[in-house]
Amino acid sequence: MSDSERVEDGGAWDAAIDLARWVISNGGPPTIPSPVVLDPGELLHADLWAHGWRYQAIDVVYQAPRVVAFGGLMVFGLAALGSAAARRRARRDAESRAMPQWRPLGVLRVLATNRRLLVWHDGAWASVWLNSILELHPMLAARRLDLTFEGDPAYCLTGPWVPYLAVVVGTVLAELCGVGPVTSTIHIQ
């Protein structure tokens, strides 16, 4: 299965609505069998694919342009001015590329449990602990969910199954923290 096929809709919006109705009727998301070993007492609620980004800075290495000038003082002066302008432009470009911005992670497999999101990236599972989430920004019409954390770069997940994930994460956070605190952290757009 290709990455693009993994994130195609396939009834994802209807599944998110059905899940929200299930949660209202039953008080929590259903559990599904886990493809990975989980901690004792940990339950899997969703297994999906999404496009991912992190909001972070990066280190950028750049080469300062070099100029060799032959000739008189005038040629040397013009070459020095041109070189200074080129260095300034290269430095500004590198600073711009290094600034915090959304950096693509590619297509990610995301497992949502009652404690964390397990994110498969670069051949390894990374844990995103739900109790470390400061804010949820679901943009359901855009099929996007932004998660912000204290002291860690934000995640952005997009794709047809992200509204389903938003229902799971919101429900589990309400179970962990209570409805009041979760309501204050969700900023629906």
N, C-alpha and C. Protein backbone atom coordinates (compact mmCIF):
# COMPACT_ATOMS: atom_id res chain seq x y z
N MET A 1 0.84 -1.18 0.00
CA MET A 1 0.00 0.00 0.00
C MET A 1 0.89 1.24 0.00
N SER A 2 0.62 2.17 -0.91
CA SER A 2 1.43 3.39 -0.99
C SER A 2 1.04 4.35 0.13
N ASP A 3 1.93 5.32 0.40
CA ASP A 3 1.66 6.31 1.44
C ASP A 3 0.40 7.09 1.13
N SER A 4 0.19 7.47 -0.14
CA SER A 4 -1.01 8.24 -0.47
C SER A 4 -2.28 7.41 -0.28
N GLU A 5 -2.23 6.11 -0.57
CA GLU A 5 -3.39 5.26 -0.34
C GLU A 5 -3.70 5.12 1.14
N ARG A 6 -2.67 5.15 1.97
CA ARG A 6 -2.87 4.98 3.40
C ARG A 6 -3.67 6.13 4.01
N VAL A 7 -3.58 7.31 3.43
CA VAL A 7 -4.26 8.45 4.01
C VAL A 7 -5.52 8.86 3.25
N GLU A 8 -5.93 8.08 2.25
CA GLU A 8 -7.17 8.38 1.54
C GLU A 8 -8.36 8.21 2.47
N ASP A 9 -9.47 8.88 2.14
CA ASP A 9 -10.62 8.96 3.03
C ASP A 9 -11.20 7.61 3.41
N GLY A 10 -11.77 6.88 2.48
CA GLY A 10 -12.33 5.57 2.80
C GLY A 10 -13.38 5.61 3.90
N GLY A 11 -14.20 6.68 3.97
CA GLY A 11 -15.24 6.77 4.98
C GLY A 11 -14.77 7.32 6.31
N ALA A 12 -13.63 7.98 6.32
CA ALA A 12 -13.05 8.47 7.58
C ALA A 12 -13.94 9.49 8.27
N TRP A 13 -14.54 10.42 7.51
CA TRP A 13 -15.38 11.45 8.12
C TRP A 13 -16.58 10.81 8.81
N ASP A 14 -17.22 9.86 8.13
CA ASP A 14 -18.36 9.16 8.73
C ASP A 14 -17.92 8.38 9.97
N ALA A 15 -16.73 7.80 9.91
CA ALA A 15 -16.22 7.05 11.08
C ALA A 15 -16.01 7.98 12.27
N ALA A 16 -15.54 9.20 12.02
CA ALA A 16 -15.34 10.17 13.11
C ALA A 16 -16.68 10.55 13.73
N ILE A 17 -17.69 10.76 12.90
CA ILE A 17 -19.02 11.09 13.41
C ILE A 17 -19.59 9.92 14.20
N ASP A 18 -19.45 8.70 13.66
CA ASP A 18 -19.91 7.51 14.38
C ASP A 18 -19.19 7.35 15.71
N LEU A 19 -17.89 7.63 15.74
CA LEU A 19 -17.14 7.54 16.99
C LEU A 19 -17.64 8.56 18.00
N ALA A 20 -17.90 9.79 17.56
CA ALA A 20 -18.42 10.81 18.48
C ALA A 20 -19.76 10.36 19.07
N ARG A 21 -20.61 9.77 18.25
CA ARG A 21 -21.89 9.25 18.75
C ARG A 21 -21.66 8.11 19.74
N TRP A 22 -20.71 7.23 19.42
CA TRP A 22 -20.37 6.12 20.32
C TRP A 22 -19.93 6.65 21.68
N VAL A 23 -19.05 7.64 21.66
CA VAL A 23 -18.53 8.22 22.90
C VAL A 23 -19.66 8.81 23.73
N ILE A 24 -20.59 9.52 23.08
CA ILE A 24 -21.72 10.10 23.80
C ILE A 24 -22.56 9.01 24.44
N SER A 25 -22.77 7.91 23.73
CA SER A 25 -23.61 6.82 24.24
C SER A 25 -22.90 5.93 25.25
N ASN A 26 -21.61 5.70 25.05
CA ASN A 26 -20.90 4.70 25.84
C ASN A 26 -19.84 5.27 26.79
N GLY A 27 -19.54 6.55 26.69
CA GLY A 27 -18.63 7.18 27.64
C GLY A 27 -17.16 7.09 27.33
N GLY A 28 -16.77 6.47 26.26
CA GLY A 28 -15.35 6.38 25.92
C GLY A 28 -15.17 5.72 24.58
N PRO A 29 -14.02 5.89 23.96
CA PRO A 29 -13.80 5.27 22.66
C PRO A 29 -13.63 3.76 22.79
N PRO A 30 -14.03 3.02 21.77
CA PRO A 30 -13.84 1.57 21.81
C PRO A 30 -12.36 1.22 21.73
N THR A 31 -12.02 0.02 22.18
CA THR A 31 -10.64 -0.45 22.09
C THR A 31 -10.52 -1.42 20.93
N ILE A 32 -9.32 -1.47 20.36
CA ILE A 32 -9.03 -2.37 19.25
C ILE A 32 -7.76 -3.14 19.59
N PRO A 33 -7.55 -4.30 18.94
CA PRO A 33 -6.31 -5.06 19.19
C PRO A 33 -5.08 -4.24 18.76
N SER A 34 -4.03 -4.34 19.55
CA SER A 34 -2.82 -3.57 19.27
C SER A 34 -1.81 -4.38 18.45
N PRO A 35 -1.22 -3.75 17.43
CA PRO A 35 -0.17 -4.41 16.66
C PRO A 35 1.19 -4.34 17.34
N VAL A 36 1.29 -3.59 18.44
CA VAL A 36 2.55 -3.45 19.19
C VAL A 36 2.28 -3.76 20.66
N VAL A 37 3.35 -4.06 21.38
CA VAL A 37 3.22 -4.32 22.82
C VAL A 37 3.03 -2.98 23.53
N LEU A 38 1.98 -2.91 24.33
CA LEU A 38 1.69 -1.70 25.09
C LEU A 38 2.01 -1.93 26.56
N ASP A 39 2.08 -0.84 27.32
CA ASP A 39 2.30 -0.95 28.76
C ASP A 39 1.09 -1.61 29.42
N PRO A 40 1.28 -2.22 30.59
CA PRO A 40 0.13 -2.81 31.30
C PRO A 40 -0.95 -1.75 31.54
N GLY A 41 -2.18 -2.10 31.23
CA GLY A 41 -3.31 -1.19 31.42
C GLY A 41 -3.51 -0.20 30.28
N GLU A 42 -2.62 -0.21 29.32
CA GLU A 42 -2.74 0.71 28.18
C GLU A 42 -3.64 0.08 27.12
N LEU A 43 -4.57 0.86 26.58
CA LEU A 43 -5.54 0.38 25.62
C LEU A 43 -5.42 1.15 24.31
N LEU A 44 -5.51 0.45 23.19
CA LEU A 44 -5.42 1.10 21.88
C LEU A 44 -6.82 1.48 21.41
N HIS A 45 -6.96 2.75 20.97
CA HIS A 45 -8.25 3.25 20.49
C HIS A 45 -8.25 3.57 19.00
N ALA A 46 -7.09 3.79 18.40
CA ALA A 46 -7.05 4.13 16.98
C ALA A 46 -5.70 3.74 16.39
N ASP A 47 -5.73 3.33 15.14
CA ASP A 47 -4.54 2.99 14.37
C ASP A 47 -4.76 3.60 12.99
N LEU A 48 -4.03 4.67 12.68
CA LEU A 48 -4.30 5.40 11.44
C LEU A 48 -3.01 5.98 10.86
N TRP A 49 -3.14 6.50 9.65
CA TRP A 49 -2.02 7.15 8.95
C TRP A 49 -2.36 8.61 8.76
N ALA A 50 -1.37 9.48 8.87
CA ALA A 50 -1.57 10.92 8.68
C ALA A 50 -0.27 11.54 8.18
N HIS A 51 -0.40 12.67 7.53
CA HIS A 51 0.78 13.47 7.18
C HIS A 51 1.16 14.26 8.41
N GLY A 52 2.45 14.34 8.71
CA GLY A 52 2.87 15.01 9.93
C GLY A 52 3.90 16.09 9.70
N TRP A 53 3.90 17.09 10.60
CA TRP A 53 4.87 18.18 10.63
C TRP A 53 5.21 18.47 12.08
N ARG A 54 6.41 19.00 12.32
CA ARG A 54 6.81 19.53 13.64
C ARG A 54 7.19 20.98 13.45
N TYR A 55 6.83 21.81 14.42
CA TYR A 55 7.18 23.23 14.38
C TYR A 55 8.48 23.41 15.13
N GLN A 56 9.57 23.50 14.39
CA GLN A 56 10.87 23.56 15.05
C GLN A 56 11.90 24.26 14.18
N ALA A 57 12.95 24.70 14.85
CA ALA A 57 14.09 25.31 14.16
C ALA A 57 15.04 24.19 13.74
N ILE A 58 15.93 24.50 12.80
CA ILE A 58 16.96 23.55 12.41
C ILE A 58 18.29 24.29 12.30
N ASP A 59 19.36 23.54 12.35
CA ASP A 59 20.69 24.10 12.13
C ASP A 59 20.93 24.16 10.62
N VAL A 60 21.37 25.29 10.15
CA VAL A 60 21.65 25.47 8.73
C VAL A 60 23.10 25.88 8.57
N VAL A 61 23.80 25.19 7.71
CA VAL A 61 25.19 25.53 7.40
C VAL A 61 25.18 26.22 6.04
N TYR A 62 25.88 27.32 5.96
CA TYR A 62 25.95 27.99 4.67
C TYR A 62 27.38 28.40 4.39
N GLN A 63 27.70 28.48 3.12
CA GLN A 63 29.02 28.90 2.68
C GLN A 63 28.97 30.38 2.33
N ALA A 64 29.86 31.15 2.92
CA ALA A 64 29.97 32.56 2.55
C ALA A 64 30.61 32.64 1.17
N PRO A 65 30.02 33.42 0.28
CA PRO A 65 30.61 33.55 -1.05
C PRO A 65 32.01 34.16 -0.97
N ARG A 66 32.87 33.69 -1.84
CA ARG A 66 34.25 34.22 -1.88
C ARG A 66 34.49 34.90 -3.22
N VAL A 67 35.23 35.97 -3.15
CA VAL A 67 35.53 36.72 -4.37
C VAL A 67 37.04 36.92 -4.44
N VAL A 68 37.57 36.70 -5.62
CA VAL A 68 38.98 36.99 -5.87
C VAL A 68 39.01 38.15 -6.87
N ALA A 69 39.71 39.19 -6.52
CA ALA A 69 39.75 40.38 -7.39
C ALA A 69 41.18 40.66 -7.80
N PHE A 70 41.36 40.89 -9.09
CA PHE A 70 42.66 41.31 -9.62
C PHE A 70 42.48 42.69 -10.22
N GLY A 71 43.41 43.53 -10.00
CA GLY A 71 43.32 44.86 -10.59
C GLY A 71 43.62 45.92 -9.56
N GLY A 72 43.18 47.09 -9.85
CA GLY A 72 43.47 48.24 -9.00
C GLY A 72 42.54 48.33 -7.80
N LEU A 73 42.72 49.43 -7.10
CA LEU A 73 41.97 49.70 -5.88
C LEU A 73 40.47 49.78 -6.15
N MET A 74 40.08 50.36 -7.27
CA MET A 74 38.67 50.49 -7.61
C MET A 74 38.03 49.11 -7.80
N VAL A 75 38.67 48.23 -8.53
CA VAL A 75 38.15 46.87 -8.75
C VAL A 75 38.05 46.14 -7.42
N PHE A 76 39.08 46.27 -6.60
CA PHE A 76 39.08 45.62 -5.29
C PHE A 76 37.93 46.15 -4.43
N GLY A 77 37.70 47.45 -4.42
CA GLY A 77 36.61 48.04 -3.64
C GLY A 77 35.25 47.56 -4.10
N LEU A 78 35.03 47.51 -5.41
CA LEU A 78 33.76 47.02 -5.95
C LEU A 78 33.56 45.54 -5.61
N ALA A 79 34.62 44.76 -5.71
CA ALA A 79 34.53 43.33 -5.38
C ALA A 79 34.21 43.15 -3.90
N ALA A 80 34.81 43.97 -3.03
CA ALA A 80 34.55 43.88 -1.59
C ALA A 80 33.10 44.23 -1.28
N LEU A 81 32.57 45.27 -1.92
CA LEU A 81 31.16 45.64 -1.72
C LEU A 81 30.22 44.53 -2.19
N GLY A 82 30.49 43.99 -3.37
CA GLY A 82 29.67 42.90 -3.89
C GLY A 82 29.73 41.67 -3.01
N SER A 83 30.92 41.37 -2.51
CA SER A 83 31.10 40.21 -1.63
C SER A 83 30.35 40.40 -0.32
N ALA A 84 30.41 41.61 0.24
CA ALA A 84 29.70 41.88 1.50
C ALA A 84 28.20 41.73 1.31
N ALA A 85 27.68 42.23 0.20
CA ALA A 85 26.25 42.11 -0.08
C ALA A 85 25.86 40.64 -0.25
N ALA A 86 26.68 39.87 -0.94
CA ALA A 86 26.39 38.44 -1.14
C ALA A 86 26.44 37.68 0.18
N ARG A 87 27.40 38.00 1.05
CA ARG A 87 27.48 37.35 2.37
C ARG A 87 26.24 37.68 3.21
N ARG A 88 25.84 38.95 3.19
CA ARG A 88 24.67 39.37 3.95
C ARG A 88 23.42 38.63 3.45
N ARG A 89 23.27 38.52 2.14
CA ARG A 89 22.13 37.82 1.55
C ARG A 89 22.16 36.33 1.93
N ALA A 90 23.32 35.70 1.87
CA ALA A 90 23.45 34.28 2.23
C ALA A 90 23.14 34.06 3.71
N ARG A 91 23.61 34.98 4.56
CA ARG A 91 23.35 34.86 6.00
C ARG A 91 21.85 35.02 6.29
N ARG A 92 21.20 36.01 5.65
CA ARG A 92 19.76 36.21 5.85
C ARG A 92 18.97 34.99 5.38
N ASP A 93 19.37 34.42 4.25
CA ASP A 93 18.70 33.23 3.74
C ASP A 93 18.85 32.06 4.71
N ALA A 94 20.05 31.86 5.24
CA ALA A 94 20.29 30.78 6.19
C ALA A 94 19.50 31.00 7.48
N GLU A 95 19.46 32.23 7.97
CA GLU A 95 18.69 32.53 9.18
C GLU A 95 17.21 32.27 8.96
N SER A 96 16.72 32.63 7.79
CA SER A 96 15.32 32.40 7.46
C SER A 96 15.00 30.90 7.43
N ARG A 97 15.88 30.12 6.81
CA ARG A 97 15.66 28.67 6.74
C ARG A 97 15.79 28.01 8.11
N ALA A 98 16.57 28.58 9.01
CA ALA A 98 16.81 27.98 10.33
C ALA A 98 15.70 28.31 11.33
N MET A 99 14.93 29.37 11.08
CA MET A 99 13.90 29.79 12.04
C MET A 99 12.86 28.69 12.26
N PRO A 100 12.21 28.70 13.43
CA PRO A 100 11.14 27.72 13.65
C PRO A 100 10.05 27.86 12.59
N GLN A 101 9.68 26.74 12.02
CA GLN A 101 8.59 26.67 11.05
C GLN A 101 8.14 25.22 10.95
N TRP A 102 7.03 24.99 10.26
CA TRP A 102 6.54 23.63 10.12
C TRP A 102 7.48 22.85 9.21
N ARG A 103 8.06 21.78 9.76
CA ARG A 103 8.99 20.92 9.03
C ARG A 103 8.29 19.60 8.72
N PRO A 104 8.25 19.19 7.46
CA PRO A 104 7.53 17.96 7.11
C PRO A 104 8.21 16.71 7.68
N LEU A 105 7.38 15.81 8.18
CA LEU A 105 7.85 14.51 8.66
C LEU A 105 7.46 13.40 7.70
N GLY A 106 6.56 13.69 6.77
CA GLY A 106 6.09 12.67 5.84
C GLY A 106 4.84 11.99 6.37
N VAL A 107 4.54 10.84 5.80
CA VAL A 107 3.38 10.07 6.23
C VAL A 107 3.76 9.27 7.47
N LEU A 108 2.94 9.41 8.51
CA LEU A 108 3.22 8.77 9.80
C LEU A 108 2.12 7.78 10.16
N ARG A 109 2.50 6.70 10.78
CA ARG A 109 1.51 5.81 11.39
C ARG A 109 1.33 6.29 12.82
N VAL A 110 0.08 6.45 13.24
CA VAL A 110 -0.22 6.96 14.57
C VAL A 110 -1.14 5.97 15.28
N LEU A 111 -0.69 5.50 16.44
CA LEU A 111 -1.51 4.67 17.31
C LEU A 111 -1.93 5.52 18.49
N ALA A 112 -3.22 5.61 18.75
CA ALA A 112 -3.72 6.42 19.87
C ALA A 112 -4.19 5.49 20.98
N THR A 113 -3.55 5.61 22.15
CA THR A 113 -3.92 4.79 23.30
C THR A 113 -4.57 5.68 24.35
N ASN A 114 -4.88 5.08 25.47
CA ASN A 114 -5.46 5.85 26.57
C ASN A 114 -4.41 6.65 27.34
N ARG A 115 -3.15 6.59 26.92
CA ARG A 115 -2.07 7.33 27.59
C ARG A 115 -1.22 8.18 26.65
N ARG A 116 -1.10 7.76 25.41
CA ARG A 116 -0.16 8.43 24.51
C ARG A 116 -0.53 8.19 23.05
N LEU A 117 0.15 8.95 22.21
CA LEU A 117 0.16 8.67 20.79
C LEU A 117 1.50 8.02 20.49
N LEU A 118 1.48 6.90 19.83
CA LEU A 118 2.70 6.27 19.35
C LEU A 118 2.83 6.65 17.87
N VAL A 119 3.91 7.32 17.53
CA VAL A 119 4.10 7.83 16.17
C VAL A 119 5.29 7.11 15.55
N TRP A 120 5.05 6.42 14.43
CA TRP A 120 6.11 5.71 13.71
C TRP A 120 6.77 6.68 12.75
N HIS A 121 8.04 6.98 13.01
CA HIS A 121 8.78 7.94 12.17
C HIS A 121 10.23 7.51 12.11
N ASP A 122 10.79 7.50 10.93
CA ASP A 122 12.19 7.13 10.70
C ASP A 122 12.53 5.77 11.31
N GLY A 123 11.62 4.82 11.17
CA GLY A 123 11.90 3.45 11.59
C GLY A 123 11.83 3.19 13.08
N ALA A 124 11.21 4.09 13.84
CA ALA A 124 11.11 3.89 15.30
C ALA A 124 9.82 4.52 15.81
N TRP A 125 9.33 4.00 16.94
CA TRP A 125 8.15 4.55 17.58
C TRP A 125 8.56 5.67 18.53
N ALA A 126 7.88 6.79 18.45
CA ALA A 126 8.07 7.90 19.39
C ALA A 126 6.79 8.05 20.19
N SER A 127 6.92 8.24 21.49
CA SER A 127 5.76 8.42 22.36
C SER A 127 5.45 9.90 22.54
N VAL A 128 4.21 10.26 22.31
CA VAL A 128 3.71 11.60 22.59
C VAL A 128 2.70 11.42 23.72
N TRP A 129 3.11 11.76 24.93
CA TRP A 129 2.27 11.51 26.11
C TRP A 129 1.13 12.51 26.15
N LEU A 130 -0.08 12.00 26.28
CA LEU A 130 -1.26 12.85 26.24
C LEU A 130 -1.28 13.86 27.38
N ASN A 131 -0.74 13.48 28.54
CA ASN A 131 -0.75 14.42 29.67
C ASN A 131 0.23 15.57 29.49
N SER A 132 1.03 15.54 28.41
CA SER A 132 1.95 16.65 28.14
C SER A 132 1.37 17.66 27.14
N ILE A 133 0.17 17.39 26.65
CA ILE A 133 -0.46 18.29 25.68
C ILE A 133 -0.99 19.53 26.40
N LEU A 134 -0.59 20.70 25.93
CA LEU A 134 -1.09 21.96 26.49
C LEU A 134 -2.33 22.44 25.76
N GLU A 135 -2.35 22.29 24.43
CA GLU A 135 -3.48 22.76 23.64
C GLU A 135 -3.74 21.82 22.47
N LEU A 136 -5.02 21.70 22.14
CA LEU A 136 -5.47 20.99 20.94
C LEU A 136 -6.09 22.03 20.01
N HIS A 137 -5.72 21.98 18.76
CA HIS A 137 -6.31 22.88 17.77
C HIS A 137 -6.86 22.03 16.63
N PRO A 138 -8.08 21.46 16.80
CA PRO A 138 -8.66 20.70 15.69
C PRO A 138 -9.29 21.64 14.66
N MET A 139 -8.90 21.45 13.42
CA MET A 139 -9.51 22.15 12.29
C MET A 139 -10.16 21.06 11.45
N LEU A 140 -11.36 20.67 11.90
CA LEU A 140 -11.98 19.46 11.38
C LEU A 140 -12.29 19.55 9.89
N ALA A 141 -12.77 20.70 9.42
CA ALA A 141 -13.08 20.84 8.00
C ALA A 141 -11.82 20.68 7.15
N ALA A 142 -10.69 21.09 7.69
CA ALA A 142 -9.41 20.95 6.98
C ALA A 142 -8.75 19.61 7.27
N ARG A 143 -9.38 18.80 8.11
CA ARG A 143 -8.83 17.48 8.51
C ARG A 143 -7.43 17.66 9.09
N ARG A 144 -7.33 18.58 10.04
CA ARG A 144 -6.04 18.93 10.64
C ARG A 144 -6.17 19.00 12.15
N LEU A 145 -5.11 18.57 12.84
CA LEU A 145 -5.04 18.66 14.30
C LEU A 145 -3.65 19.13 14.68
N ASP A 146 -3.59 20.27 15.38
CA ASP A 146 -2.33 20.78 15.91
C ASP A 146 -2.29 20.50 17.40
N LEU A 147 -1.17 19.99 17.87
CA LEU A 147 -0.98 19.68 19.29
C LEU A 147 0.21 20.50 19.78
N THR A 148 0.02 21.28 20.84
CA THR A 148 1.13 22.05 21.40
C THR A 148 1.51 21.49 22.76
N PHE A 149 2.79 21.60 23.07
CA PHE A 149 3.36 21.02 24.29
C PHE A 149 4.22 22.05 24.99
N GLU A 150 4.49 21.82 26.25
CA GLU A 150 5.42 22.67 26.98
C GLU A 150 6.83 22.11 26.78
N GLY A 151 7.72 22.92 26.23
CA GLY A 151 9.11 22.52 26.07
C GLY A 151 9.38 21.51 24.97
N ASP A 152 8.43 21.29 24.06
CA ASP A 152 8.63 20.35 22.97
C ASP A 152 7.96 20.93 21.72
N PRO A 153 8.52 20.70 20.53
CA PRO A 153 7.91 21.27 19.33
C PRO A 153 6.49 20.76 19.10
N ALA A 154 5.66 21.63 18.56
CA ALA A 154 4.27 21.28 18.25
C ALA A 154 4.21 20.27 17.11
N TYR A 155 3.16 19.46 17.11
CA TYR A 155 2.85 18.54 16.02
C TYR A 155 1.69 19.10 15.22
N CYS A 156 1.70 18.85 13.94
CA CYS A 156 0.56 19.09 13.07
C CYS A 156 0.31 17.78 12.33
N LEU A 157 -0.90 17.28 12.42
CA LEU A 157 -1.28 16.06 11.71
C LEU A 157 -2.42 16.41 10.77
N THR A 158 -2.34 15.94 9.53
CA THR A 158 -3.40 16.18 8.57
C THR A 158 -3.74 14.88 7.86
N GLY A 159 -4.95 14.82 7.37
CA GLY A 159 -5.39 13.67 6.61
C GLY A 159 -6.83 13.34 6.94
N PRO A 160 -7.44 12.49 6.14
CA PRO A 160 -8.86 12.20 6.33
C PRO A 160 -9.19 11.56 7.66
N TRP A 161 -8.27 10.83 8.27
CA TRP A 161 -8.55 10.16 9.54
C TRP A 161 -8.23 11.02 10.75
N VAL A 162 -7.75 12.23 10.55
CA VAL A 162 -7.40 13.10 11.67
C VAL A 162 -8.63 13.53 12.49
N PRO A 163 -9.81 13.80 11.90
CA PRO A 163 -10.97 14.08 12.76
C PRO A 163 -11.29 12.92 13.71
N TYR A 164 -11.13 11.69 13.25
CA TYR A 164 -11.32 10.53 14.12
C TYR A 164 -10.33 10.58 15.27
N LEU A 165 -9.06 10.87 14.95
CA LEU A 165 -8.03 10.99 15.97
C LEU A 165 -8.37 12.11 16.95
N ALA A 166 -8.89 13.23 16.45
CA ALA A 166 -9.25 14.35 17.32
C ALA A 166 -10.32 13.94 18.33
N VAL A 167 -11.29 13.14 17.90
CA VAL A 167 -12.32 12.65 18.82
C VAL A 167 -11.69 11.76 19.88
N VAL A 168 -10.80 10.85 19.47
CA VAL A 168 -10.14 9.96 20.42
C VAL A 168 -9.32 10.76 21.42
N VAL A 169 -8.47 11.66 20.94
CA VAL A 169 -7.59 12.42 21.83
C VAL A 169 -8.41 13.29 22.79
N GLY A 170 -9.42 13.98 22.27
CA GLY A 170 -10.26 14.81 23.14
C GLY A 170 -10.97 14.00 24.20
N THR A 171 -11.48 12.83 23.82
CA THR A 171 -12.19 11.97 24.77
C THR A 171 -11.25 11.43 25.83
N VAL A 172 -10.09 10.94 25.42
CA VAL A 172 -9.13 10.39 26.38
C VAL A 172 -8.62 11.47 27.32
N LEU A 173 -8.35 12.67 26.78
CA LEU A 173 -7.92 13.76 27.66
C LEU A 173 -9.01 14.12 28.67
N ALA A 174 -10.27 14.10 28.24
CA ALA A 174 -11.36 14.37 29.18
C ALA A 174 -11.41 13.31 30.27
N GLU A 175 -11.13 12.05 29.91
CA GLU A 175 -11.08 10.98 30.92
C GLU A 175 -9.91 11.17 31.87
N LEU A 176 -8.76 11.62 31.34
CA LEU A 176 -7.56 11.80 32.17
C LEU A 176 -7.63 13.04 33.05
N CYS A 177 -8.11 14.15 32.48
CA CYS A 177 -8.01 15.45 33.15
C CYS A 177 -9.35 16.02 33.59
N GLY A 178 -10.43 15.48 33.10
CA GLY A 178 -11.74 16.06 33.36
C GLY A 178 -12.18 16.92 32.19
N VAL A 179 -13.48 17.10 32.07
CA VAL A 179 -14.03 17.83 30.94
C VAL A 179 -13.66 19.31 30.99
N GLY A 180 -13.68 19.93 32.16
CA GLY A 180 -13.37 21.37 32.29
C GLY A 180 -12.00 21.73 31.76
N PRO A 181 -10.93 21.09 32.26
CA PRO A 181 -9.60 21.43 31.74
C PRO A 181 -9.44 21.16 30.24
N VAL A 182 -10.07 20.11 29.75
CA VAL A 182 -9.95 19.80 28.32
C VAL A 182 -10.68 20.85 27.49
N THR A 183 -11.84 21.27 27.95
CA THR A 183 -12.59 22.30 27.24
C THR A 183 -11.77 23.57 27.08
N SER A 184 -10.99 23.91 28.09
CA SER A 184 -10.18 25.14 28.01
C SER A 184 -8.96 24.97 27.11
N THR A 185 -8.56 23.75 26.80
CA THR A 185 -7.38 23.54 25.95
C THR A 185 -7.73 23.33 24.48
N ILE A 186 -9.01 23.08 24.19
CA ILE A 186 -9.41 22.83 22.80
C ILE A 186 -9.81 24.14 22.16
N HIS A 187 -9.21 24.42 21.03
CA HIS A 187 -9.51 25.63 20.27
C HIS A 187 -9.95 25.20 18.88
N ILE A 188 -11.25 24.96 18.71
CA ILE A 188 -11.77 24.46 17.44
C ILE A 188 -11.86 25.60 16.44
N GLN A 189 -11.36 25.33 15.24
CA GLN A 189 -11.41 26.33 14.16
C GLN A 189 -12.18 25.77 13.00
